[in-house]
Amino acid sequence: MSRLLGIPSLVVVLAVGGYLMTKQMQSGGPASPPVRQAVTQAQGNVAATNFAGAADAMQAFYTQNATYLGATLPPGSGVILVRADATSYCLQTPAGDEHEDGPGGTAQPGAC
């Protein structure tokens, strides 16, 4: 008789354990809202740093040539130079989710 109750009890314990584990993963796992917010904030900080470095490179080019036309960014800058003319330029993240119009611009959502 005890053997008959053992298997259903085991199934119930496993089901309850699975349910509790699922709830824990939703509130504290890698897909939880705080983790997603931290990842988004970190990506924004990286983009801001990359834009700042690229803007410095663009200013150095402008100082030497009095134009942004023909400017290039150093490899590994983390951003793409989408457009450059005599007086302005547009930098964009490789994913195209943020851009910066320069000179003196700030990061904005979306592509150039």
N, C-alpha and C. Protein backbone atom coordinates (compact mmCIF):
# COMPACT_ATOMS: atom_id res chain seq x y z
N MET A 1 0.81 -1.19 0.00
CA MET A 1 0.00 0.00 0.00
C MET A 1 0.86 1.27 0.00
N SER A 2 1.94 1.25 0.77
CA SER A 2 2.79 2.43 0.83
C SER A 2 3.51 2.66 -0.50
N ARG A 3 3.73 1.57 -1.22
CA ARG A 3 4.36 1.71 -2.53
C ARG A 3 3.42 2.41 -3.50
N LEU A 4 2.16 2.16 -3.41
CA LEU A 4 1.16 2.78 -4.26
C LEU A 4 1.09 4.28 -4.01
N LEU A 5 1.27 4.72 -2.79
CA LEU A 5 1.22 6.14 -2.47
C LEU A 5 2.56 6.83 -2.77
N GLY A 6 3.62 6.09 -2.84
CA GLY A 6 4.94 6.68 -3.07
C GLY A 6 5.08 7.31 -4.44
N ILE A 7 4.62 6.65 -5.49
CA ILE A 7 4.76 7.18 -6.86
C ILE A 7 3.91 8.44 -7.07
N PRO A 8 2.62 8.43 -6.68
CA PRO A 8 1.86 9.69 -6.82
C PRO A 8 2.43 10.83 -5.98
N SER A 9 2.94 10.50 -4.80
CA SER A 9 3.55 11.55 -3.97
C SER A 9 4.78 12.13 -4.65
N LEU A 10 5.58 11.26 -5.25
CA LEU A 10 6.76 11.72 -5.97
C LEU A 10 6.38 12.62 -7.13
N VAL A 11 5.34 12.27 -7.87
CA VAL A 11 4.87 13.08 -8.99
C VAL A 11 4.41 14.45 -8.50
N VAL A 12 3.68 14.48 -7.40
CA VAL A 12 3.20 15.75 -6.85
C VAL A 12 4.37 16.62 -6.39
N VAL A 13 5.34 16.03 -5.71
CA VAL A 13 6.50 16.79 -5.25
C VAL A 13 7.28 17.34 -6.44
N LEU A 14 7.47 16.56 -7.50
CA LEU A 14 8.17 17.05 -8.68
C LEU A 14 7.40 18.17 -9.38
N ALA A 15 6.09 18.06 -9.44
CA ALA A 15 5.28 19.10 -10.07
C ALA A 15 5.36 20.39 -9.28
N VAL A 16 5.24 20.31 -7.97
CA VAL A 16 5.32 21.51 -7.13
C VAL A 16 6.73 22.11 -7.22
N GLY A 17 7.76 21.28 -7.20
CA GLY A 17 9.13 21.77 -7.33
C GLY A 17 9.35 22.46 -8.67
N GLY A 18 8.83 21.89 -9.74
CA GLY A 18 8.95 22.50 -11.07
C GLY A 18 8.25 23.84 -11.13
N TYR A 19 7.07 23.91 -10.54
CA TYR A 19 6.32 25.16 -10.51
C TYR A 19 7.09 26.25 -9.74
N LEU A 20 7.60 25.89 -8.57
CA LEU A 20 8.34 26.85 -7.76
C LEU A 20 9.63 27.30 -8.45
N MET A 21 10.29 26.38 -9.14
CA MET A 21 11.50 26.75 -9.87
C MET A 21 11.18 27.71 -11.01
N THR A 22 10.08 27.48 -11.70
CA THR A 22 9.66 28.36 -12.79
C THR A 22 9.37 29.76 -12.26
N LYS A 23 8.66 29.84 -11.15
CA LYS A 23 8.35 31.15 -10.56
C LYS A 23 9.62 31.88 -10.12
N GLN A 24 10.57 31.15 -9.56
CA GLN A 24 11.84 31.76 -9.15
C GLN A 24 12.61 32.29 -10.35
N MET A 25 12.63 31.55 -11.43
CA MET A 25 13.35 31.99 -12.62
C MET A 25 12.71 33.24 -13.22
N GLN A 26 11.39 33.37 -13.12
CA GLN A 26 10.72 34.56 -13.65
C GLN A 26 11.05 35.80 -12.84
N SER A 27 11.22 35.64 -11.53
CA SER A 27 11.45 36.82 -10.69
C SER A 27 12.93 37.13 -10.49
N GLY A 28 13.81 36.16 -10.67
CA GLY A 28 15.22 36.43 -10.42
C GLY A 28 16.16 35.84 -11.44
N GLY A 29 15.65 35.26 -12.47
CA GLY A 29 16.49 34.62 -13.47
C GLY A 29 17.00 35.60 -14.52
N PRO A 30 17.64 35.07 -15.56
CA PRO A 30 18.23 35.93 -16.58
C PRO A 30 17.22 36.72 -17.40
N ALA A 31 15.95 36.32 -17.39
CA ALA A 31 14.94 37.04 -18.15
C ALA A 31 14.07 37.93 -17.26
N SER A 32 14.47 38.10 -16.00
CA SER A 32 13.66 38.90 -15.08
C SER A 32 13.78 40.39 -15.43
N PRO A 33 12.78 41.18 -15.08
CA PRO A 33 12.80 42.62 -15.39
C PRO A 33 14.04 43.35 -14.87
N PRO A 34 14.50 43.11 -13.63
CA PRO A 34 15.71 43.83 -13.19
C PRO A 34 16.94 43.50 -14.03
N VAL A 35 17.06 42.24 -14.44
CA VAL A 35 18.21 41.85 -15.25
C VAL A 35 18.12 42.48 -16.63
N ARG A 36 16.93 42.47 -17.23
CA ARG A 36 16.76 43.10 -18.55
C ARG A 36 17.05 44.59 -18.48
N GLN A 37 16.62 45.24 -17.40
CA GLN A 37 16.87 46.68 -17.24
C GLN A 37 18.37 46.94 -17.10
N ALA A 38 19.07 46.10 -16.35
CA ALA A 38 20.52 46.28 -16.19
C ALA A 38 21.25 46.09 -17.51
N VAL A 39 20.81 45.11 -18.30
CA VAL A 39 21.44 44.87 -19.61
C VAL A 39 21.20 46.06 -20.53
N THR A 40 19.99 46.58 -20.55
CA THR A 40 19.67 47.73 -21.39
C THR A 40 20.49 48.96 -20.98
N GLN A 41 20.62 49.17 -19.68
CA GLN A 41 21.40 50.31 -19.20
C GLN A 41 22.88 50.14 -19.56
N ALA A 42 23.39 48.93 -19.43
CA ALA A 42 24.79 48.68 -19.78
C ALA A 42 25.03 48.92 -21.27
N GLN A 43 24.10 48.47 -22.11
CA GLN A 43 24.24 48.69 -23.55
C GLN A 43 24.23 50.18 -23.88
N GLY A 44 23.38 50.94 -23.20
CA GLY A 44 23.34 52.38 -23.40
C GLY A 44 24.64 53.05 -22.99
N ASN A 45 25.22 52.59 -21.88
CA ASN A 45 26.50 53.16 -21.43
C ASN A 45 27.62 52.84 -22.40
N VAL A 46 27.63 51.64 -22.95
CA VAL A 46 28.65 51.27 -23.93
C VAL A 46 28.49 52.14 -25.18
N ALA A 47 27.26 52.32 -25.64
CA ALA A 47 27.02 53.14 -26.83
C ALA A 47 27.48 54.58 -26.59
N ALA A 48 27.20 55.12 -25.41
CA ALA A 48 27.61 56.50 -25.10
C ALA A 48 29.13 56.62 -25.11
N THR A 49 29.82 55.63 -24.57
CA THR A 49 31.28 55.64 -24.57
C THR A 49 31.82 55.54 -25.99
N ASN A 50 31.22 54.66 -26.79
CA ASN A 50 31.66 54.52 -28.19
C ASN A 50 31.42 55.79 -28.98
N PHE A 51 30.26 56.43 -28.79
CA PHE A 51 29.96 57.68 -29.48
C PHE A 51 30.97 58.77 -29.08
N ALA A 52 31.32 58.83 -27.81
CA ALA A 52 32.26 59.85 -27.34
C ALA A 52 33.63 59.66 -27.99
N GLY A 53 34.11 58.43 -28.05
CA GLY A 53 35.40 58.16 -28.68
C GLY A 53 35.39 58.47 -30.17
N ALA A 54 34.30 58.11 -30.84
CA ALA A 54 34.18 58.38 -32.28
C ALA A 54 34.07 59.88 -32.53
N ALA A 55 33.36 60.60 -31.67
CA ALA A 55 33.23 62.06 -31.83
C ALA A 55 34.59 62.73 -31.68
N ASP A 56 35.42 62.22 -30.77
CA ASP A 56 36.78 62.77 -30.62
C ASP A 56 37.59 62.54 -31.89
N ALA A 57 37.45 61.35 -32.48
CA ALA A 57 38.17 61.05 -33.72
C ALA A 57 37.68 61.96 -34.86
N MET A 58 36.37 62.20 -34.90
CA MET A 58 35.82 63.08 -35.94
C MET A 58 36.32 64.51 -35.75
N GLN A 59 36.39 64.98 -34.51
CA GLN A 59 36.90 66.34 -34.26
C GLN A 59 38.36 66.46 -34.64
N ALA A 60 39.13 65.42 -34.37
CA ALA A 60 40.55 65.44 -34.75
C ALA A 60 40.69 65.53 -36.27
N PHE A 61 39.85 64.78 -36.99
CA PHE A 61 39.87 64.84 -38.46
C PHE A 61 39.49 66.24 -38.93
N TYR A 62 38.44 66.82 -38.32
CA TYR A 62 37.99 68.16 -38.71
C TYR A 62 39.06 69.21 -38.44
N THR A 63 39.76 69.08 -37.33
CA THR A 63 40.83 70.02 -36.99
C THR A 63 41.93 70.02 -38.05
N GLN A 64 42.24 68.85 -38.56
CA GLN A 64 43.30 68.74 -39.57
C GLN A 64 42.84 69.14 -40.97
N ASN A 65 41.55 68.91 -41.29
CA ASN A 65 41.08 69.06 -42.67
C ASN A 65 40.02 70.14 -42.88
N ALA A 66 39.50 70.73 -41.82
CA ALA A 66 38.45 71.75 -41.88
C ALA A 66 37.19 71.23 -42.57
N THR A 67 36.98 69.92 -42.54
CA THR A 67 35.78 69.28 -43.07
C THR A 67 35.67 67.88 -42.48
N TYR A 68 34.46 67.37 -42.45
CA TYR A 68 34.26 65.97 -42.04
C TYR A 68 34.24 65.06 -43.25
N LEU A 69 34.14 65.64 -44.43
CA LEU A 69 34.08 64.87 -45.67
C LEU A 69 35.34 64.04 -45.84
N GLY A 70 35.17 62.75 -46.04
CA GLY A 70 36.31 61.84 -46.20
C GLY A 70 36.81 61.25 -44.90
N ALA A 71 36.17 61.57 -43.80
CA ALA A 71 36.60 61.05 -42.51
C ALA A 71 36.31 59.55 -42.41
N THR A 72 37.11 58.86 -41.66
CA THR A 72 36.90 57.44 -41.34
C THR A 72 37.11 57.26 -39.85
N LEU A 73 36.53 56.22 -39.32
CA LEU A 73 36.71 55.91 -37.91
C LEU A 73 37.73 54.79 -37.77
N PRO A 74 38.47 54.80 -36.68
CA PRO A 74 39.43 53.72 -36.47
C PRO A 74 38.71 52.38 -36.28
N PRO A 75 39.34 51.29 -36.69
CA PRO A 75 38.72 49.97 -36.48
C PRO A 75 38.46 49.73 -35.00
N GLY A 76 37.36 49.08 -34.72
CA GLY A 76 37.03 48.76 -33.34
C GLY A 76 36.42 49.90 -32.56
N SER A 77 35.96 50.94 -33.24
CA SER A 77 35.38 52.09 -32.54
C SER A 77 34.01 51.78 -31.97
N GLY A 78 33.36 50.73 -32.44
CA GLY A 78 32.07 50.34 -31.90
C GLY A 78 30.89 51.07 -32.51
N VAL A 79 31.14 52.00 -33.42
CA VAL A 79 30.07 52.71 -34.12
C VAL A 79 30.42 52.79 -35.60
N ILE A 80 29.43 53.14 -36.39
CA ILE A 80 29.60 53.25 -37.84
C ILE A 80 29.39 54.69 -38.25
N LEU A 81 30.26 55.19 -39.10
CA LEU A 81 30.08 56.52 -39.68
C LEU A 81 29.15 56.36 -40.88
N VAL A 82 27.91 56.81 -40.74
CA VAL A 82 26.91 56.65 -41.79
C VAL A 82 26.99 57.77 -42.81
N ARG A 83 27.19 58.99 -42.33
CA ARG A 83 27.19 60.16 -43.21
C ARG A 83 28.18 61.18 -42.70
N ALA A 84 28.92 61.79 -43.62
CA ALA A 84 29.83 62.89 -43.27
C ALA A 84 29.87 63.87 -44.43
N ASP A 85 29.61 65.15 -44.14
CA ASP A 85 29.73 66.19 -45.17
C ASP A 85 30.66 67.27 -44.63
N ALA A 86 30.65 68.42 -45.21
CA ALA A 86 31.60 69.47 -44.83
C ALA A 86 31.45 69.92 -43.38
N THR A 87 30.20 69.95 -42.86
CA THR A 87 29.99 70.53 -41.54
C THR A 87 29.34 69.61 -40.51
N SER A 88 28.94 68.40 -40.91
CA SER A 88 28.26 67.53 -39.96
C SER A 88 28.50 66.06 -40.30
N TYR A 89 28.09 65.22 -39.38
CA TYR A 89 28.22 63.78 -39.57
C TYR A 89 27.14 63.07 -38.76
N CYS A 90 26.95 61.78 -39.03
CA CYS A 90 26.02 60.96 -38.26
C CYS A 90 26.68 59.63 -37.96
N LEU A 91 26.74 59.30 -36.68
CA LEU A 91 27.28 58.03 -36.20
C LEU A 91 26.13 57.14 -35.77
N GLN A 92 26.31 55.84 -35.91
CA GLN A 92 25.23 54.90 -35.59
C GLN A 92 25.82 53.64 -34.98
N THR A 93 25.08 53.02 -34.06
CA THR A 93 25.51 51.74 -33.52
C THR A 93 25.37 50.68 -34.61
N PRO A 94 26.15 49.62 -34.56
CA PRO A 94 26.05 48.58 -35.59
C PRO A 94 24.64 47.98 -35.72
N ALA A 95 23.90 47.91 -34.63
CA ALA A 95 22.55 47.37 -34.67
C ALA A 95 21.55 48.38 -35.23
N GLY A 96 21.94 49.65 -35.29
CA GLY A 96 21.07 50.69 -35.82
C GLY A 96 20.00 51.13 -34.84
N ASP A 97 20.19 50.83 -33.56
CA ASP A 97 19.17 51.20 -32.58
C ASP A 97 19.40 52.58 -31.95
N GLU A 98 20.60 53.14 -32.15
CA GLU A 98 20.90 54.49 -31.66
C GLU A 98 21.79 55.20 -32.67
N HIS A 99 21.68 56.52 -32.69
CA HIS A 99 22.55 57.32 -33.55
C HIS A 99 22.88 58.64 -32.85
N GLU A 100 23.88 59.31 -33.39
CA GLU A 100 24.27 60.63 -32.89
C GLU A 100 24.61 61.52 -34.06
N ASP A 101 23.93 62.67 -34.14
CA ASP A 101 24.24 63.67 -35.16
C ASP A 101 25.29 64.60 -34.57
N GLY A 102 26.35 64.81 -35.31
CA GLY A 102 27.43 65.64 -34.79
C GLY A 102 27.73 66.80 -35.70
N PRO A 103 28.49 67.71 -35.23
CA PRO A 103 29.17 67.68 -33.94
C PRO A 103 28.27 68.15 -32.80
N GLY A 104 28.64 67.72 -31.61
CA GLY A 104 27.96 68.17 -30.41
C GLY A 104 26.61 67.53 -30.13
N GLY A 105 26.28 66.47 -30.82
CA GLY A 105 24.99 65.83 -30.60
C GLY A 105 25.00 64.88 -29.43
N THR A 106 23.83 64.35 -29.13
CA THR A 106 23.70 63.33 -28.09
C THR A 106 23.06 62.11 -28.73
N ALA A 107 23.22 60.98 -28.07
CA ALA A 107 22.65 59.73 -28.58
C ALA A 107 21.13 59.83 -28.62
N GLN A 108 20.57 59.40 -29.74
CA GLN A 108 19.12 59.40 -29.96
C GLN A 108 18.70 57.99 -30.40
N PRO A 109 17.48 57.60 -30.12
CA PRO A 109 17.03 56.29 -30.59
C PRO A 109 16.85 56.25 -32.09
N GLY A 110 17.06 55.08 -32.67
CA GLY A 110 16.85 54.88 -34.10
C GLY A 110 18.09 55.06 -34.93
N ALA A 111 17.95 54.80 -36.21
CA ALA A 111 19.07 54.91 -37.14
C ALA A 111 19.21 56.34 -37.65
N CYS A 112 20.32 56.63 -38.32
CA CYS A 112 20.58 57.96 -38.90
C CYS A 112 19.52 58.29 -39.92
